[in-house]
Amino acid sequence: MPNPRTTGPKSAPGRWPGRVEQRGELKGRRNALKQLLGARFGELAQEALARIDAATAKDLDAMVLRVLTANTLDEVLGVSTGSE
């Protein structure tokens, strides 16, 4: 049985599987964040879901940490309310 970590395009050995893993990891992190936010703030609006889906790995890390201290969904997502 082929090893998914070592099989991929012949022109880029070792690169293709890493990218797939990275995308899978980001997808998992996004899903976990959505679950946490849904449990804390209720059903998420499409705008919030889109913001999470567009977030970089660094942004997702920051959002996950803010879940612990934020009072609002906007605070977690880093949305400015204009009152700062």
N, C-alpha and C. Protein backbone atom coordinates (compact mmCIF):
# COMPACT_ATOMS: atom_id res chain seq x y z
N MET A 1 0.85 -1.18 0.00
CA MET A 1 0.00 0.00 0.00
C MET A 1 0.90 1.24 0.00
N PRO A 2 0.65 2.20 -0.89
CA PRO A 2 1.49 3.40 -0.96
C PRO A 2 1.37 4.24 0.31
N ASN A 3 2.46 4.84 0.68
CA ASN A 3 2.48 5.73 1.84
C ASN A 3 2.08 7.13 1.38
N PRO A 4 0.96 7.71 1.89
CA PRO A 4 0.51 9.03 1.44
C PRO A 4 1.51 10.14 1.76
N ARG A 5 2.42 9.90 2.67
CA ARG A 5 3.41 10.93 3.00
C ARG A 5 4.55 10.98 1.98
N THR A 6 4.72 9.89 1.23
CA THR A 6 5.85 9.86 0.30
C THR A 6 5.42 9.82 -1.16
N THR A 7 4.14 9.65 -1.43
CA THR A 7 3.68 9.64 -2.81
C THR A 7 3.17 11.01 -3.18
N GLY A 8 3.36 11.38 -4.41
CA GLY A 8 2.92 12.70 -4.88
C GLY A 8 3.50 12.97 -6.24
N PRO A 9 3.41 14.19 -6.70
CA PRO A 9 3.95 14.52 -8.01
C PRO A 9 5.44 14.22 -8.09
N LYS A 10 5.86 13.66 -9.21
CA LYS A 10 7.27 13.31 -9.39
C LYS A 10 8.17 14.53 -9.38
N SER A 11 7.65 15.68 -9.80
CA SER A 11 8.49 16.88 -9.90
C SER A 11 8.73 17.56 -8.56
N ALA A 12 7.95 17.21 -7.56
CA ALA A 12 8.09 17.86 -6.26
C ALA A 12 7.99 16.84 -5.13
N PRO A 13 8.97 15.94 -5.04
CA PRO A 13 8.88 14.91 -4.01
C PRO A 13 8.89 15.52 -2.62
N GLY A 14 7.97 15.04 -1.79
CA GLY A 14 7.93 15.50 -0.41
C GLY A 14 7.16 16.79 -0.19
N ARG A 15 6.86 17.54 -1.22
CA ARG A 15 6.17 18.82 -1.03
C ARG A 15 4.66 18.66 -1.05
N TRP A 16 4.16 17.91 -1.99
CA TRP A 16 2.72 17.79 -2.16
C TRP A 16 2.02 17.26 -0.91
N PRO A 17 2.48 16.16 -0.32
CA PRO A 17 1.80 15.66 0.88
C PRO A 17 1.81 16.67 2.03
N GLY A 18 2.88 17.41 2.17
CA GLY A 18 2.94 18.40 3.24
C GLY A 18 1.90 19.48 3.08
N ARG A 19 1.67 19.89 1.85
CA ARG A 19 0.65 20.92 1.60
C ARG A 19 -0.74 20.39 1.91
N VAL A 20 -0.99 19.15 1.54
CA VAL A 20 -2.29 18.55 1.83
C VAL A 20 -2.49 18.45 3.33
N GLU A 21 -1.46 18.02 4.04
CA GLU A 21 -1.54 17.93 5.50
C GLU A 21 -1.79 19.30 6.11
N GLN A 22 -1.10 20.32 5.61
CA GLN A 22 -1.26 21.67 6.14
C GLN A 22 -2.68 22.16 5.93
N ARG A 23 -3.23 21.94 4.74
CA ARG A 23 -4.61 22.34 4.48
C ARG A 23 -5.58 21.59 5.38
N GLY A 24 -5.32 20.31 5.58
CA GLY A 24 -6.17 19.51 6.45
C GLY A 24 -6.10 19.99 7.89
N GLU A 25 -4.90 20.37 8.31
CA GLU A 25 -4.74 20.88 9.67
C GLU A 25 -5.49 22.20 9.84
N LEU A 26 -5.38 23.09 8.87
CA LEU A 26 -6.10 24.37 8.94
C LEU A 26 -7.61 24.15 8.95
N LYS A 27 -8.07 23.21 8.14
CA LYS A 27 -9.50 22.92 8.11
C LYS A 27 -9.97 22.42 9.47
N GLY A 28 -9.19 21.55 10.08
CA GLY A 28 -9.52 21.04 11.41
C GLY A 28 -9.53 22.14 12.46
N ARG A 29 -8.57 23.05 12.38
CA ARG A 29 -8.51 24.16 13.34
C ARG A 29 -9.71 25.09 13.15
N ARG A 30 -10.07 25.33 11.88
CA ARG A 30 -11.24 26.17 11.61
C ARG A 30 -12.51 25.53 12.17
N ASN A 31 -12.66 24.22 11.94
CA ASN A 31 -13.84 23.52 12.45
C ASN A 31 -13.89 23.54 13.97
N ALA A 32 -12.76 23.35 14.62
CA ALA A 32 -12.72 23.39 16.08
C ALA A 32 -13.10 24.78 16.59
N LEU A 33 -12.58 25.82 15.95
CA LEU A 33 -12.91 27.19 16.35
C LEU A 33 -14.41 27.45 16.17
N LYS A 34 -14.97 26.99 15.07
CA LYS A 34 -16.41 27.17 14.83
C LYS A 34 -17.23 26.47 15.92
N GLN A 35 -16.80 25.29 16.32
CA GLN A 35 -17.51 24.56 17.38
C GLN A 35 -17.43 25.31 18.70
N LEU A 36 -16.24 25.79 19.04
CA LEU A 36 -16.08 26.56 20.28
C LEU A 36 -16.94 27.81 20.27
N LEU A 37 -16.91 28.53 19.17
CA LEU A 37 -17.68 29.77 19.07
C LEU A 37 -19.18 29.49 19.09
N GLY A 38 -19.60 28.43 18.43
CA GLY A 38 -21.01 28.06 18.45
C GLY A 38 -21.48 27.70 19.84
N ALA A 39 -20.65 27.00 20.59
CA ALA A 39 -21.00 26.63 21.96
C ALA A 39 -21.07 27.86 22.86
N ARG A 40 -20.21 28.81 22.60
CA ARG A 40 -20.13 30.00 23.46
C ARG A 40 -21.13 31.08 23.08
N PHE A 41 -21.32 31.32 21.77
CA PHE A 41 -22.12 32.45 21.32
C PHE A 41 -23.37 32.07 20.54
N GLY A 42 -23.61 30.79 20.33
CA GLY A 42 -24.77 30.36 19.57
C GLY A 42 -24.44 30.26 18.08
N GLU A 43 -25.50 30.09 17.29
CA GLU A 43 -25.31 29.91 15.84
C GLU A 43 -24.54 31.08 15.24
N LEU A 44 -23.56 30.76 14.40
CA LEU A 44 -22.70 31.78 13.80
C LEU A 44 -23.29 32.28 12.49
N ALA A 45 -23.23 33.59 12.30
CA ALA A 45 -23.69 34.21 11.06
C ALA A 45 -22.73 33.86 9.93
N GLN A 46 -23.22 33.93 8.71
CA GLN A 46 -22.40 33.63 7.53
C GLN A 46 -21.16 34.52 7.48
N GLU A 47 -21.28 35.76 7.90
CA GLU A 47 -20.14 36.68 7.90
C GLU A 47 -19.03 36.16 8.82
N ALA A 48 -19.42 35.66 9.99
CA ALA A 48 -18.44 35.11 10.93
C ALA A 48 -17.78 33.85 10.36
N LEU A 49 -18.59 32.99 9.76
CA LEU A 49 -18.05 31.77 9.16
C LEU A 49 -17.08 32.10 8.03
N ALA A 50 -17.43 33.09 7.23
CA ALA A 50 -16.55 33.49 6.12
C ALA A 50 -15.24 34.06 6.64
N ARG A 51 -15.31 34.82 7.73
CA ARG A 51 -14.10 35.40 8.31
C ARG A 51 -13.16 34.30 8.82
N ILE A 52 -13.74 33.29 9.45
CA ILE A 52 -12.95 32.16 9.94
C ILE A 52 -12.34 31.39 8.76
N ASP A 53 -13.14 31.16 7.73
CA ASP A 53 -12.65 30.41 6.56
C ASP A 53 -11.53 31.15 5.83
N ALA A 54 -11.51 32.47 5.92
CA ALA A 54 -10.49 33.26 5.24
C ALA A 54 -9.25 33.51 6.10
N ALA A 55 -9.32 33.13 7.37
CA ALA A 55 -8.24 33.43 8.31
C ALA A 55 -6.98 32.61 8.01
N THR A 56 -5.84 33.23 8.23
CA THR A 56 -4.56 32.54 8.11
C THR A 56 -4.32 31.70 9.36
N ALA A 57 -3.31 30.87 9.33
CA ALA A 57 -2.97 30.06 10.50
C ALA A 57 -2.67 30.95 11.70
N LYS A 58 -1.96 32.04 11.48
CA LYS A 58 -1.62 32.97 12.56
C LYS A 58 -2.89 33.61 13.13
N ASP A 59 -3.81 34.02 12.24
CA ASP A 59 -5.07 34.60 12.69
C ASP A 59 -5.89 33.60 13.49
N LEU A 60 -5.93 32.36 13.03
CA LEU A 60 -6.68 31.32 13.75
C LEU A 60 -6.12 31.10 15.15
N ASP A 61 -4.80 31.08 15.27
CA ASP A 61 -4.18 30.93 16.59
C ASP A 61 -4.62 32.05 17.52
N ALA A 62 -4.62 33.27 17.02
CA ALA A 62 -5.03 34.42 17.83
C ALA A 62 -6.50 34.32 18.22
N MET A 63 -7.34 33.91 17.28
CA MET A 63 -8.77 33.78 17.57
C MET A 63 -9.03 32.74 18.64
N VAL A 64 -8.35 31.60 18.54
CA VAL A 64 -8.52 30.53 19.52
C VAL A 64 -8.16 31.03 20.92
N LEU A 65 -7.09 31.78 21.03
CA LEU A 65 -6.71 32.32 22.34
C LEU A 65 -7.72 33.34 22.85
N ARG A 66 -8.27 34.14 21.94
CA ARG A 66 -9.25 35.15 22.36
C ARG A 66 -10.58 34.54 22.81
N VAL A 67 -10.86 33.30 22.39
CA VAL A 67 -12.09 32.64 22.85
C VAL A 67 -12.13 32.60 24.37
N LEU A 68 -10.97 32.48 24.99
CA LEU A 68 -10.90 32.37 26.45
C LEU A 68 -11.25 33.65 27.18
N THR A 69 -11.01 34.79 26.57
CA THR A 69 -11.17 36.06 27.29
C THR A 69 -12.18 37.02 26.68
N ALA A 70 -12.58 36.79 25.47
CA ALA A 70 -13.47 37.74 24.78
C ALA A 70 -14.88 37.68 25.35
N ASN A 71 -15.52 38.84 25.34
CA ASN A 71 -16.91 38.93 25.79
C ASN A 71 -17.90 38.83 24.63
N THR A 72 -17.41 39.07 23.42
CA THR A 72 -18.29 39.04 22.25
C THR A 72 -17.62 38.27 21.11
N LEU A 73 -18.44 37.85 20.18
CA LEU A 73 -17.93 37.17 19.00
C LEU A 73 -17.01 38.09 18.20
N ASP A 74 -17.39 39.36 18.09
CA ASP A 74 -16.56 40.32 17.36
C ASP A 74 -15.17 40.44 17.97
N GLU A 75 -15.08 40.37 19.29
CA GLU A 75 -13.76 40.42 19.94
C GLU A 75 -12.92 39.22 19.54
N VAL A 76 -13.53 38.05 19.47
CA VAL A 76 -12.79 36.85 19.08
C VAL A 76 -12.29 36.98 17.65
N LEU A 77 -13.16 37.46 16.77
CA LEU A 77 -12.83 37.54 15.35
C LEU A 77 -11.94 38.73 15.02
N GLY A 78 -11.72 39.60 15.99
CA GLY A 78 -10.86 40.76 15.76
C GLY A 78 -11.55 41.85 14.97
N VAL A 79 -12.88 41.92 15.08
CA VAL A 79 -13.65 42.93 14.38
C VAL A 79 -13.71 44.18 15.24
N SER A 80 -13.31 45.30 14.67
CA SER A 80 -13.35 46.58 15.38
C SER A 80 -14.78 47.08 15.40
N THR A 81 -15.24 47.48 16.59
CA THR A 81 -16.60 48.00 16.72
C THR A 81 -16.65 49.51 16.62
N GLY A 82 -15.50 50.15 16.48
CA GLY A 82 -15.45 51.60 16.35
C GLY A 82 -15.46 52.34 17.67
N SER A 83 -15.53 51.61 18.78
CA SER A 83 -15.57 52.27 20.09
C SER A 83 -14.22 52.25 20.78
N GLU A 84 -13.17 51.96 20.04
CA GLU A 84 -11.83 51.88 20.63
C GLU A 84 -11.15 53.21 20.62
